[in-house]
Protein backbone atom coordinates (compact mmCIF):
# COMPACT_ATOMS: atom_id res chain seq x y z
CA MET A 1 206.27 101.84 -74.01
CA ALA A 2 206.61 103.57 -77.39
CA ALA A 3 209.63 103.30 -79.65
CA GLY A 4 212.70 105.15 -78.41
CA GLY A 5 211.49 104.88 -74.81
CA ALA A 6 209.17 107.89 -75.14
CA ALA A 7 205.95 107.80 -73.17
CA PRO A 8 202.73 107.61 -75.25
CA PRO A 9 200.73 110.85 -75.54
CA PRO A 10 198.07 111.22 -72.83
CA LYS A 11 194.64 110.08 -73.91
CA GLN A 12 192.38 113.08 -74.38
CA GLU A 13 189.03 113.10 -72.64
CA GLU A 14 186.12 112.65 -74.98
CA LEU A 15 184.26 115.94 -75.07
CA GLN A 16 180.51 115.73 -74.51
CA PRO A 17 177.99 118.52 -75.06
CA HIS A 18 175.85 119.69 -72.17
CA PRO A 19 172.74 117.52 -71.80
CA VAL A 20 169.39 118.95 -72.85
CA LYS A 21 167.17 120.03 -69.94
CA ASP A 22 163.46 120.53 -70.52
CA GLN A 23 163.29 121.93 -66.97
CA LEU A 24 165.82 124.54 -65.92
CA PRO A 25 167.94 123.23 -63.01
CA GLY A 26 169.12 125.38 -60.12
CA ILE A 27 165.71 126.87 -59.30
CA SER A 28 165.16 127.02 -55.52
CA TYR A 29 161.35 127.04 -55.56
CA CYS A 30 159.32 125.99 -58.59
CA ILE A 31 155.62 126.68 -59.29
CA ALA A 32 154.11 124.34 -56.73
CA SER A 33 156.76 124.67 -53.99
CA PRO A 34 156.31 128.01 -52.16
CA PRO A 35 159.03 129.41 -49.88
CA PRO A 36 158.30 130.08 -46.17
CA TRP A 37 155.69 132.77 -45.60
CA PRO A 38 158.03 135.59 -44.41
CA GLU A 39 160.29 135.07 -47.42
CA ALA A 40 157.32 134.73 -49.76
CA ILE A 41 155.87 138.05 -48.57
CA LEU A 42 159.17 139.88 -49.14
CA LEU A 43 159.55 138.30 -52.57
CA GLY A 44 155.97 139.26 -53.41
CA PHE A 45 156.68 142.86 -52.38
CA GLN A 46 159.77 142.79 -54.61
CA HIS A 47 157.63 141.74 -57.60
CA TYR A 48 155.30 144.63 -56.75
CA LEU A 49 158.23 147.09 -56.77
CA VAL A 50 159.43 145.84 -60.15
CA MET A 51 156.04 146.05 -61.88
CA LEU A 52 155.57 149.59 -60.58
CA GLY A 53 158.05 150.87 -63.16
CA THR A 54 155.86 150.29 -66.21
CA THR A 55 152.72 151.12 -64.23
CA VAL A 56 154.10 154.61 -63.52
CA LEU A 57 156.03 155.30 -66.72
CA ILE A 58 153.08 154.75 -69.09
CA PRO A 59 150.59 157.08 -67.30
CA SER A 60 153.37 159.65 -66.76
CA SER A 61 153.79 159.75 -70.53
CA LEU A 62 150.13 159.60 -71.55
CA VAL A 63 148.26 161.73 -68.99
CA PRO A 64 149.89 165.11 -69.86
CA GLN A 65 149.05 164.50 -73.53
CA MET A 66 145.44 163.83 -72.53
CA GLY A 67 145.19 167.14 -70.68
CA GLY A 68 145.32 165.54 -67.24
CA ARG A 69 147.09 166.81 -64.14
CA ASN A 70 148.83 165.03 -61.28
CA GLU A 71 145.44 164.11 -59.78
CA GLU A 72 144.39 162.30 -62.94
CA LYS A 73 147.82 160.68 -63.23
CA ALA A 74 147.61 159.36 -59.66
CA LYS A 75 144.11 157.97 -60.27
CA MET A 76 145.18 156.31 -63.52
CA ILE A 77 148.15 154.67 -61.77
CA GLN A 78 145.86 153.47 -58.99
CA THR A 79 143.45 152.01 -61.53
CA LEU A 80 146.24 150.27 -63.44
CA LEU A 81 147.54 148.80 -60.18
CA PHE A 82 144.11 147.60 -59.11
CA VAL A 83 143.35 145.98 -62.47
CA SER A 84 146.84 144.45 -62.65
CA GLY A 85 146.28 142.84 -59.26
CA LEU A 86 142.97 141.34 -60.37
CA ASN A 87 144.41 140.14 -63.69
CA THR A 88 147.45 138.57 -62.03
CA LEU A 89 145.22 136.67 -59.59
CA PHE A 90 142.97 135.38 -62.37
CA GLN A 91 145.94 134.39 -64.54
CA THR A 92 147.65 132.44 -61.74
CA LEU A 93 144.39 130.77 -60.64
CA PHE A 94 142.58 130.07 -63.89
CA GLY A 95 144.86 131.06 -66.79
CA THR A 96 148.24 129.52 -67.50
CA ARG A 97 148.78 129.11 -63.72
CA LEU A 98 152.34 130.28 -64.30
CA PRO A 99 153.90 132.80 -61.87
CA ALA A 100 153.29 135.57 -64.40
CA VAL A 101 152.50 139.16 -63.41
CA ILE A 102 149.94 140.77 -65.73
CA GLY A 103 150.56 144.50 -65.99
CA ALA A 104 150.50 147.48 -68.33
CA SER A 105 151.88 146.83 -71.82
CA TYR A 106 153.89 149.12 -74.10
CA SER A 107 152.30 147.39 -77.10
CA TYR A 108 149.16 149.51 -76.64
CA VAL A 109 150.91 152.87 -76.19
CA PRO A 110 151.20 153.84 -79.91
CA MET A 111 147.52 153.14 -80.49
CA THR A 112 146.58 155.01 -77.31
CA VAL A 113 148.59 158.03 -78.47
CA SER A 114 146.79 157.85 -81.82
CA ILE A 115 143.43 158.11 -80.02
CA ILE A 116 144.74 161.04 -77.95
CA LEU A 117 145.68 162.90 -81.14
CA ALA A 118 142.29 162.30 -82.81
CA ALA A 119 140.86 165.47 -84.32
CA ARG A 120 137.52 165.22 -82.49
CA TYR A 121 139.20 166.15 -79.20
CA ASN A 122 140.99 169.28 -80.47
CA ASP A 123 138.07 171.62 -79.82
CA ILE A 124 137.70 170.71 -76.12
CA LEU A 125 139.19 173.57 -74.09
CA ASP A 126 138.60 172.33 -70.54
CA PRO A 127 141.60 170.03 -69.68
CA GLU A 128 139.61 167.89 -67.24
CA GLU A 129 136.78 167.38 -69.72
CA LYS A 130 139.27 166.61 -72.48
CA PHE A 131 140.97 163.98 -70.29
CA LYS A 132 137.67 162.27 -69.52
CA ARG A 133 136.50 162.29 -73.14
CA ILE A 134 139.78 160.81 -74.37
CA MET A 135 139.74 158.21 -71.60
CA ARG A 136 136.23 157.13 -72.62
CA GLY A 137 137.45 156.72 -76.21
CA ILE A 138 140.37 154.58 -75.02
CA GLN A 139 137.98 152.52 -72.90
CA GLY A 140 135.76 151.79 -75.87
CA ALA A 141 138.73 150.75 -78.05
CA LEU A 142 140.07 148.44 -75.32
CA ILE A 143 136.68 146.79 -74.85
CA ILE A 144 136.52 146.05 -78.58
CA ALA A 145 140.15 144.85 -78.63
CA SER A 146 139.54 142.45 -75.73
CA ILE A 147 137.12 140.45 -77.89
CA LEU A 148 140.00 139.29 -80.10
CA GLN A 149 142.00 137.61 -77.34
CA ILE A 150 138.90 136.24 -75.60
CA ILE A 151 137.70 134.52 -78.79
CA VAL A 152 141.14 133.40 -79.99
CA GLY A 153 142.03 132.07 -76.55
CA PHE A 154 138.88 130.36 -75.32
CA SER A 155 137.85 128.99 -78.73
CA GLY A 156 141.08 127.01 -78.90
CA LEU A 157 142.26 128.78 -82.07
CA TRP A 158 145.52 129.86 -80.45
CA ARG A 159 145.98 126.29 -79.22
CA ASN A 160 146.00 125.13 -82.86
CA VAL A 161 148.53 127.82 -83.80
CA THR A 162 150.96 127.21 -80.95
CA ARG A 163 150.85 123.46 -81.57
CA LEU A 164 152.91 124.25 -84.70
CA LEU A 165 155.47 126.20 -82.63
CA SER A 166 158.87 124.52 -82.37
CA PRO A 167 161.90 125.46 -80.25
CA LEU A 168 163.51 126.86 -83.39
CA SER A 169 160.67 129.29 -84.12
CA ALA A 170 160.30 130.11 -80.42
CA VAL A 171 163.90 131.33 -80.03
CA PRO A 172 163.51 134.65 -81.95
CA LEU A 173 160.12 135.29 -80.34
CA VAL A 174 161.26 134.80 -76.75
CA THR A 175 164.66 136.41 -77.26
CA LEU A 176 163.32 139.64 -78.72
CA ALA A 177 160.46 139.74 -76.21
CA GLY A 178 163.26 140.71 -73.82
CA LEU A 179 166.07 142.19 -75.91
CA GLY A 180 163.63 144.11 -78.12
CA LEU A 181 162.89 146.44 -75.20
CA TYR A 182 166.45 147.81 -75.15
CA GLU A 183 165.19 151.40 -75.53
CA LEU A 184 163.77 151.21 -72.00
CA GLY A 185 167.16 150.19 -70.60
CA PHE A 186 170.32 152.26 -70.80
CA PRO A 187 168.84 155.16 -72.85
CA LEU A 188 166.38 155.79 -70.01
CA LEU A 189 169.04 155.14 -67.39
CA ALA A 190 171.36 157.68 -69.00
CA LYS A 191 168.84 160.49 -68.44
CA CYS A 192 170.25 160.58 -64.90
CA VAL A 193 173.39 158.49 -65.03
CA GLU A 194 174.54 159.50 -61.52
CA ILE A 195 171.74 157.47 -59.96
CA GLY A 196 171.04 154.94 -62.74
CA LEU A 197 174.62 153.67 -62.99
CA PRO A 198 175.06 153.06 -59.22
CA GLU A 199 171.76 151.14 -59.26
CA ILE A 200 172.82 148.70 -61.95
CA ILE A 201 176.27 148.27 -60.39
CA LEU A 202 174.81 147.55 -56.93
CA LEU A 203 172.21 145.22 -58.43
CA VAL A 204 174.92 143.13 -60.11
CA ILE A 205 177.09 143.15 -56.98
CA PHE A 206 174.25 142.04 -54.69
CA SER A 207 172.89 139.42 -57.07
CA ARG A 208 176.09 137.91 -58.50
CA TYR A 209 179.26 138.83 -56.58
CA ILE A 210 178.30 138.86 -52.91
CA PRO A 211 176.68 135.36 -53.09
CA HIS A 212 179.87 134.13 -54.80
CA VAL A 213 182.04 135.48 -51.97
CA MET A 214 179.70 134.62 -49.08
CA ARG A 215 178.83 131.05 -49.88
CA GLY A 216 176.18 129.75 -47.55
CA GLU A 217 172.87 128.00 -47.40
CA ARG A 218 170.79 131.15 -46.97
CA HIS A 219 170.16 133.23 -50.09
CA VAL A 220 169.67 136.77 -48.85
CA PHE A 221 171.59 139.23 -50.98
CA ASP A 222 170.92 137.56 -54.32
CA ARG A 223 167.25 136.87 -53.59
CA PHE A 224 166.48 140.39 -52.32
CA ALA A 225 168.99 142.29 -54.46
CA VAL A 226 166.26 144.58 -55.84
CA ILE A 227 165.12 145.73 -52.39
CA PHE A 228 168.68 146.29 -51.14
CA SER A 229 169.90 148.18 -54.21
CA VAL A 230 166.75 150.28 -54.74
CA VAL A 231 166.62 151.42 -51.10
CA ILE A 232 170.31 152.42 -51.09
CA VAL A 233 170.19 154.32 -54.40
CA TRP A 234 166.80 155.89 -53.57
CA ILE A 235 168.22 157.31 -50.34
CA TYR A 236 171.29 158.48 -52.24
CA ALA A 237 169.09 160.18 -54.86
CA HIS A 238 167.04 161.87 -52.12
CA LEU A 239 170.23 163.19 -50.50
CA LEU A 240 171.27 164.66 -53.86
CA THR A 241 167.84 166.26 -54.17
CA VAL A 242 167.72 167.87 -50.72
CA GLY A 243 171.39 168.84 -51.02
CA GLY A 244 170.61 171.06 -54.00
CA ALA A 245 172.50 169.05 -56.63
CA TYR A 246 169.76 169.70 -59.21
CA ARG A 247 168.73 173.20 -58.17
CA ASN A 248 170.09 174.93 -61.28
CA THR A 249 169.66 172.14 -63.81
CA GLY A 250 167.20 171.88 -66.68
CA ILE A 251 163.59 170.75 -66.36
CA LYS A 252 164.26 167.37 -67.99
CA THR A 253 167.13 166.62 -65.64
CA GLN A 254 165.05 167.57 -62.62
CA MET A 255 162.16 165.37 -63.75
CA SER A 256 164.50 162.40 -64.18
CA CYS A 257 166.76 162.83 -61.15
CA ARG A 258 164.83 164.51 -58.36
CA THR A 259 162.81 162.39 -55.94
CA ASP A 260 160.21 165.12 -55.34
CA ARG A 261 159.09 165.83 -58.92
CA ALA A 262 156.66 162.96 -59.50
CA GLY A 263 153.77 164.88 -57.93
CA LEU A 264 152.06 161.64 -56.95
CA ILE A 265 152.16 161.74 -53.15
CA SER A 266 150.34 165.06 -52.81
CA ALA A 267 147.91 164.28 -55.64
CA ALA A 268 146.93 160.76 -54.60
CA PRO A 269 143.86 160.35 -52.34
CA TRP A 270 144.27 158.56 -49.02
CA ILE A 271 141.69 155.89 -49.78
CA ARG A 272 140.03 155.29 -53.12
CA VAL A 273 138.61 152.12 -54.67
CA PRO A 274 138.68 152.14 -58.50
CA TYR A 275 135.34 151.16 -60.01
CA PRO A 276 133.98 150.49 -63.52
CA PHE A 277 133.09 153.49 -65.71
CA GLN A 278 134.65 155.92 -63.21
CA TRP A 279 135.37 158.35 -66.07
CA GLY A 280 131.90 157.95 -67.60
CA ALA A 281 130.35 155.71 -70.23
CA PRO A 282 132.83 154.45 -72.89
CA THR A 283 132.55 155.79 -76.41
CA PHE A 284 133.09 153.55 -79.40
CA HIS A 285 134.79 154.30 -82.70
CA ALA A 286 134.90 151.36 -85.12
CA GLY A 287 138.19 152.32 -86.77
CA GLU A 288 139.99 152.84 -83.48
CA GLY A 289 138.58 149.58 -82.17
CA PHE A 290 140.01 147.64 -85.14
CA ALA A 291 143.35 149.42 -84.79
CA MET A 292 143.45 148.56 -81.08
CA MET A 293 142.77 144.94 -82.10
CA ALA A 294 146.01 145.07 -84.08
CA ALA A 295 147.84 146.18 -80.93
CA SER A 296 146.05 143.40 -79.06
CA PHE A 297 147.29 140.85 -81.59
CA VAL A 298 150.86 142.13 -81.18
CA SER A 299 150.47 141.81 -77.41
CA LEU A 300 149.09 138.28 -77.87
CA VAL A 301 152.17 137.16 -79.82
CA GLU A 302 154.62 138.86 -77.45
CA SER A 303 152.87 137.38 -74.42
CA THR A 304 153.21 133.88 -75.84
CA GLY A 305 156.97 134.33 -75.90
CA THR A 306 157.01 135.74 -72.39
CA TYR A 307 154.90 132.85 -71.06
CA ILE A 308 157.52 130.45 -72.44
CA ALA A 309 160.28 132.44 -70.68
CA VAL A 310 158.29 132.41 -67.41
CA SER A 311 157.82 128.64 -67.62
CA ARG A 312 161.56 128.27 -68.16
CA TYR A 313 162.54 130.36 -65.13
CA ALA A 314 159.88 128.70 -62.98
CA SER A 315 161.51 125.33 -63.74
CA ALA A 316 158.31 124.13 -65.37
CA THR A 317 158.01 122.10 -68.54
CA PRO A 318 157.14 123.97 -71.76
CA PRO A 319 153.47 125.03 -71.48
CA PRO A 320 151.10 122.87 -73.57
CA PRO A 321 149.28 124.69 -76.40
CA SER A 322 145.97 124.38 -74.55
CA VAL A 323 147.48 126.17 -71.53
CA LEU A 324 148.83 128.99 -73.69
CA SER A 325 145.42 129.37 -75.33
CA ARG A 326 143.71 129.40 -71.94
CA GLY A 327 146.11 132.07 -70.71
CA ILE A 328 145.45 134.25 -73.76
CA GLY A 329 141.71 133.96 -73.12
CA TRP A 330 142.09 135.20 -69.55
CA GLN A 331 144.44 137.90 -70.76
CA GLY A 332 141.61 139.05 -73.02
CA ILE A 333 139.38 139.29 -69.95
CA GLY A 334 142.16 141.35 -68.38
CA ILE A 335 142.02 143.80 -71.30
CA LEU A 336 138.26 143.93 -70.86
CA PHE A 337 138.79 144.91 -67.22
CA CYS A 338 141.22 147.64 -68.36
CA GLY A 339 138.48 148.98 -70.62
CA LEU A 340 135.69 148.76 -68.04
CA PHE A 341 137.69 150.34 -65.20
CA GLY A 342 139.36 152.98 -67.40
CA ALA A 343 142.99 151.97 -66.87
CA GLY A 344 144.00 153.86 -70.01
CA ASN A 345 146.16 151.02 -71.32
CA GLY A 346 145.95 147.32 -72.16
CA ALA A 347 147.46 144.44 -70.18
CA SER A 348 149.90 141.67 -70.98
CA VAL A 349 152.57 139.59 -69.26
CA SER A 350 155.18 141.71 -67.49
CA VAL A 351 158.57 141.01 -69.11
CA GLU A 352 160.47 142.60 -66.22
CA ASN A 353 158.82 140.34 -63.66
CA ALA A 354 159.72 137.33 -65.80
CA GLY A 355 163.34 138.48 -65.51
CA LEU A 356 162.96 138.83 -61.74
CA LEU A 357 162.13 135.12 -61.56
CA ALA A 358 165.57 134.43 -63.03
CA LEU A 359 167.31 136.81 -60.63
CA THR A 360 165.73 135.33 -57.49
CA ARG A 361 165.52 131.73 -58.79
CA VAL A 362 162.08 131.56 -57.20
CA GLY A 363 159.28 130.59 -59.57
CA SER A 364 156.60 130.07 -56.94
CA ARG A 365 153.01 130.80 -57.91
CA ARG A 366 152.20 131.85 -54.33
CA VAL A 367 154.82 134.62 -54.43
CA VAL A 368 153.21 136.22 -57.49
CA GLN A 369 149.75 135.90 -55.93
CA ILE A 370 151.08 137.74 -52.86
CA SER A 371 152.41 140.47 -55.16
CA ALA A 372 148.89 140.76 -56.63
CA GLY A 373 147.64 141.35 -53.09
CA PHE A 374 150.15 144.18 -52.71
CA MET A 375 148.95 145.72 -55.99
CA ILE A 376 145.33 145.76 -54.87
CA PHE A 377 146.20 146.94 -51.33
CA PHE A 378 148.38 149.88 -52.42
CA SER A 379 145.99 150.84 -55.22
CA ILE A 380 143.30 151.45 -52.60
CA LEU A 381 145.60 153.19 -50.08
CA GLY A 382 146.71 155.82 -52.56
CA LYS A 383 149.17 157.83 -50.44
CA PHE A 384 151.18 154.78 -49.42
CA GLY A 385 151.27 153.42 -52.96
CA ALA A 386 152.35 156.81 -54.30
CA VAL A 387 155.46 156.74 -52.10
CA PHE A 388 156.79 153.67 -53.90
CA ALA A 389 155.51 154.89 -57.26
CA SER A 390 157.70 158.01 -56.98
CA ILE A 391 160.95 156.04 -57.48
CA PRO A 392 162.94 157.92 -60.18
CA ALA A 393 162.70 156.38 -63.65
CA PRO A 394 166.50 155.85 -64.12
CA ILE A 395 166.47 153.47 -61.13
CA VAL A 396 163.69 151.50 -62.80
CA ALA A 397 165.61 151.52 -66.11
CA ALA A 398 168.65 150.03 -64.35
CA LEU A 399 166.48 147.12 -63.21
CA TYR A 400 165.24 146.68 -66.77
CA CYS A 401 168.81 146.32 -68.05
CA LEU A 402 169.15 143.09 -66.09
CA PHE A 403 165.60 141.72 -66.29
CA PHE A 404 165.11 142.18 -70.05
CA ALA A 405 168.53 140.59 -70.58
CA TYR A 406 167.46 137.56 -68.55
CA VAL A 407 164.33 137.09 -70.68
CA GLY A 408 166.39 137.40 -73.86
CA ALA A 409 168.84 134.82 -72.51
CA GLY A 410 165.90 132.55 -71.69
CA GLY A 411 165.01 132.59 -75.37
CA LEU A 412 168.59 131.79 -76.37
CA SER A 413 168.58 128.84 -73.95
CA LEU A 414 166.02 127.14 -76.20
CA LEU A 415 168.82 126.71 -78.75
CA GLN A 416 169.86 123.61 -76.80
CA PHE A 417 166.95 121.78 -78.48
CA CYS A 418 168.02 122.79 -82.01
CA ASN A 419 170.77 121.58 -84.34
CA LEU A 420 173.03 124.59 -84.77
CA ASN A 421 175.14 122.75 -87.35
CA SER A 422 172.24 122.89 -89.82
CA PHE A 423 172.37 125.68 -92.41
CA LYS A 424 168.57 125.87 -92.51
CA THR A 425 168.48 126.35 -88.75
CA MET A 426 171.12 129.07 -88.88
CA PHE A 427 169.29 130.84 -91.71
CA ILE A 428 165.95 130.92 -89.88
CA LEU A 429 167.54 132.12 -86.64
CA GLY A 430 169.80 134.75 -88.16
CA PHE A 431 167.37 136.07 -90.75
CA SER A 432 164.35 136.35 -88.43
CA ILE A 433 166.27 138.05 -85.61
CA PHE A 434 168.04 140.45 -87.97
CA MET A 435 164.86 141.39 -89.81
CA GLY A 436 163.00 141.73 -86.53
CA LEU A 437 165.49 144.39 -85.49
CA SER A 438 165.96 145.97 -88.93
CA ILE A 439 162.32 146.31 -90.02
CA THR A 440 161.24 147.86 -86.72
CA GLN A 441 164.18 150.25 -86.83
CA TYR A 442 163.01 151.45 -90.25
CA PHE A 443 159.43 151.95 -89.07
CA ASN A 444 160.53 153.75 -85.88
CA GLU A 445 163.01 156.03 -87.67
CA TYR A 446 160.48 156.88 -90.39
CA THR A 447 157.87 157.75 -87.76
CA ALA A 448 160.33 159.87 -85.76
CA LEU A 449 161.32 161.91 -88.84
CA ASN A 450 157.87 162.37 -90.40
CA ASN A 451 155.50 162.11 -87.41
CA TYR A 452 153.67 159.35 -89.24
CA GLY A 453 154.54 155.81 -90.29
CA PRO A 454 155.50 154.42 -93.72
CA VAL A 455 151.85 153.45 -94.29
CA HIS A 456 150.16 156.85 -94.55
CA THR A 457 146.62 157.09 -95.89
CA ARG A 458 143.63 159.26 -95.01
CA ALA A 459 142.31 156.49 -92.76
CA ARG A 460 144.32 156.90 -89.58
CA TRP A 461 143.00 153.70 -88.06
CA PHE A 462 144.18 151.72 -91.10
CA ASN A 463 147.64 153.28 -90.83
CA ASP A 464 147.86 152.22 -87.19
CA MET A 465 146.76 148.66 -88.00
CA ILE A 466 149.83 148.27 -90.23
CA ASN A 467 152.42 150.50 -88.56
CA VAL A 468 151.94 149.33 -84.96
CA PRO A 469 152.64 145.59 -85.56
CA PHE A 470 155.76 146.35 -87.60
CA SER A 471 157.11 148.47 -84.75
CA SER A 472 157.44 145.42 -82.46
CA GLU A 473 160.73 143.48 -82.68
CA ALA A 474 159.35 140.35 -81.03
CA PHE A 475 156.26 140.31 -83.25
CA VAL A 476 158.15 140.67 -86.54
CA ALA A 477 160.87 138.17 -85.62
CA GLY A 478 158.41 135.67 -84.12
CA ILE A 479 155.98 135.71 -87.06
CA LEU A 480 158.82 135.50 -89.60
CA ALA A 481 160.52 132.59 -87.81
CA PHE A 482 157.19 130.78 -87.41
CA PHE A 483 156.36 130.85 -91.13
CA LEU A 484 159.91 130.13 -92.30
CA ASP A 485 160.09 127.18 -89.94
CA LEU A 486 156.84 125.75 -91.31
CA MET A 487 157.54 126.39 -94.99
CA LEU A 488 161.16 125.26 -95.20
CA HIS A 489 160.63 122.09 -93.20
CA LYS A 490 157.18 121.10 -94.38
CA LYS A 491 158.33 118.31 -96.72
CA ASP A 492 161.70 117.56 -95.11
CA SER A 493 161.24 114.93 -92.40
CA SER A 494 164.97 114.82 -91.72
CA MET A 495 164.76 118.38 -90.36
CA ARG A 496 162.35 117.39 -87.58
CA ARG A 497 165.16 116.84 -85.10
CA ASP A 498 166.99 119.97 -86.24
CA ARG A 499 163.96 122.03 -85.23
CA GLY A 500 163.89 120.40 -81.78
CA LEU A 501 160.28 119.39 -82.23
CA GLN A 502 160.81 115.94 -80.72
CA TRP A 503 161.71 117.57 -77.38
CA TRP A 504 158.40 119.45 -77.16
CA GLU A 505 156.13 116.80 -78.65
CA ARG A 506 155.40 115.12 -75.33
CA PHE A 507 154.19 118.41 -73.88
CA ARG A 508 151.41 118.82 -76.46
CA SER A 509 148.83 117.53 -73.97
CA PHE A 510 148.50 116.73 -70.28
CA LYS A 511 148.32 113.01 -70.98
CA SER A 512 151.77 112.78 -72.56
CA ASP A 513 153.72 113.96 -69.51
CA THR A 514 152.51 113.88 -65.91
CA ARG A 515 154.51 117.01 -65.05
CA SER A 516 152.23 119.10 -67.27
CA GLU A 517 149.25 118.11 -65.17
CA GLU A 518 151.17 118.93 -61.99
CA PHE A 519 152.12 122.43 -63.15
CA TYR A 520 149.14 123.56 -65.22
CA SER A 521 145.98 121.81 -63.96
CA LEU A 522 143.17 124.10 -62.88
CA PRO A 523 141.76 124.04 -59.34
CA PHE A 524 138.25 122.93 -58.41
CA ASN A 525 138.26 120.27 -61.16
CA LEU A 526 137.78 122.92 -63.86
CA ASN A 527 139.95 121.12 -66.43
CA LYS A 528 136.91 119.39 -67.89
CA TYR A 529 135.69 122.75 -69.22
CA PHE A 530 138.97 123.47 -71.06
CA PRO A 531 140.29 121.03 -73.71
CA SER A 532 143.78 119.74 -72.85
CA VAL A 533 144.77 118.43 -76.26
């Protein structure tokens, strides 16, 4: 009893920080634990629906500039789907073995547009012939660009680079791999806010609020929130269309809001199997090939960040450097397939599908392989695939708002490994993220005002080699954080723990942690052909 009879003050609980988790808890199914077949098939179809957004948006933007019509656009979408299915299967079987969907990449779009605007195509008057000639030029550039990732990946060079990657330098890379795509979120949604806004609201309600109210063992609404919300809003959008809500609106509004303006269903063939060189023999231009290599390098860096996010949401351990290098090599083969088949665009890891892993909390490899089956199936049966591909873009943009945010948050979750009370740590994080956003904003604004980038010489291919990399937020932030992390901590051993390197050191090879072998080992005893250290 204290003096004066007063009771002593209550003893305060000692506050403890949250423990570090190298595997994300709360995941229902990890890489090697597939859900029951009926659920796996539905989840695979959901991944297919999500990847359709980018697969449709990129050809819809490029094909009209190439002189193509709806028929060419439908064939290009089919080819992209077919190649994405093949690449996803190869990546999950022989690449990183992560549940990563490999689809069309926005990193290649600026370089593709540059080829479209090349002067040698200006004199071609026939639109169909112009489309084929441009497509052959894109094919040749992609074939050349694929060599970079194949060599860097399979030679082990990327393994040596990523071995120097620490959690501190990975945070800006992974974070901006998701948040850097903000232009594809609400700005695209707002082009038809009356259908985009209900989609994002329903998606949040189904995925977060209904499971909180209806607590039970079966995860239905949160796991299949994309299917539920897209079907409801799609029907609602179709009712607005047939009801005449957009009859007297502008062309842009009709293209964004109406469900019958895609032109894909009537243009797509019933059955068509994409095949190599379907547009003719590729043509090669050395300058464009080198410029496409620059886009390929940007894609390589961005994909590394997305692979780390996928491993996080699949409840796997951080991927060893040898696994990342192996995945980049197979991604290079995927770009080669894009060039051979004439997909019109390069391939990389789908950021939106990485976010879907977080939404469903299912990181099963089998689910993504099933989604690859859907891609191949619907790419061959063109009419059926075109039905799903005609989902209005604002609905897709609403999905992106959540999925890109999840990937960005996955990058921020790596901060648990770092010492945030260190001024050096705070400088590297703040400076790299800010400059990643600021530098790309300058390059994008300059290009929008002048129709060419800050680097402007007579050699267009050289301009693209410089301007394209500096237009990627994840690339700029990731490269800057990587070099600052190495230079500032090179001679300071006390900063090793501040960088979080000790948490990732045991994942440098398969031998250091048995979980790495469980998650990333190749089938058919193929590990002996790929170095694991």
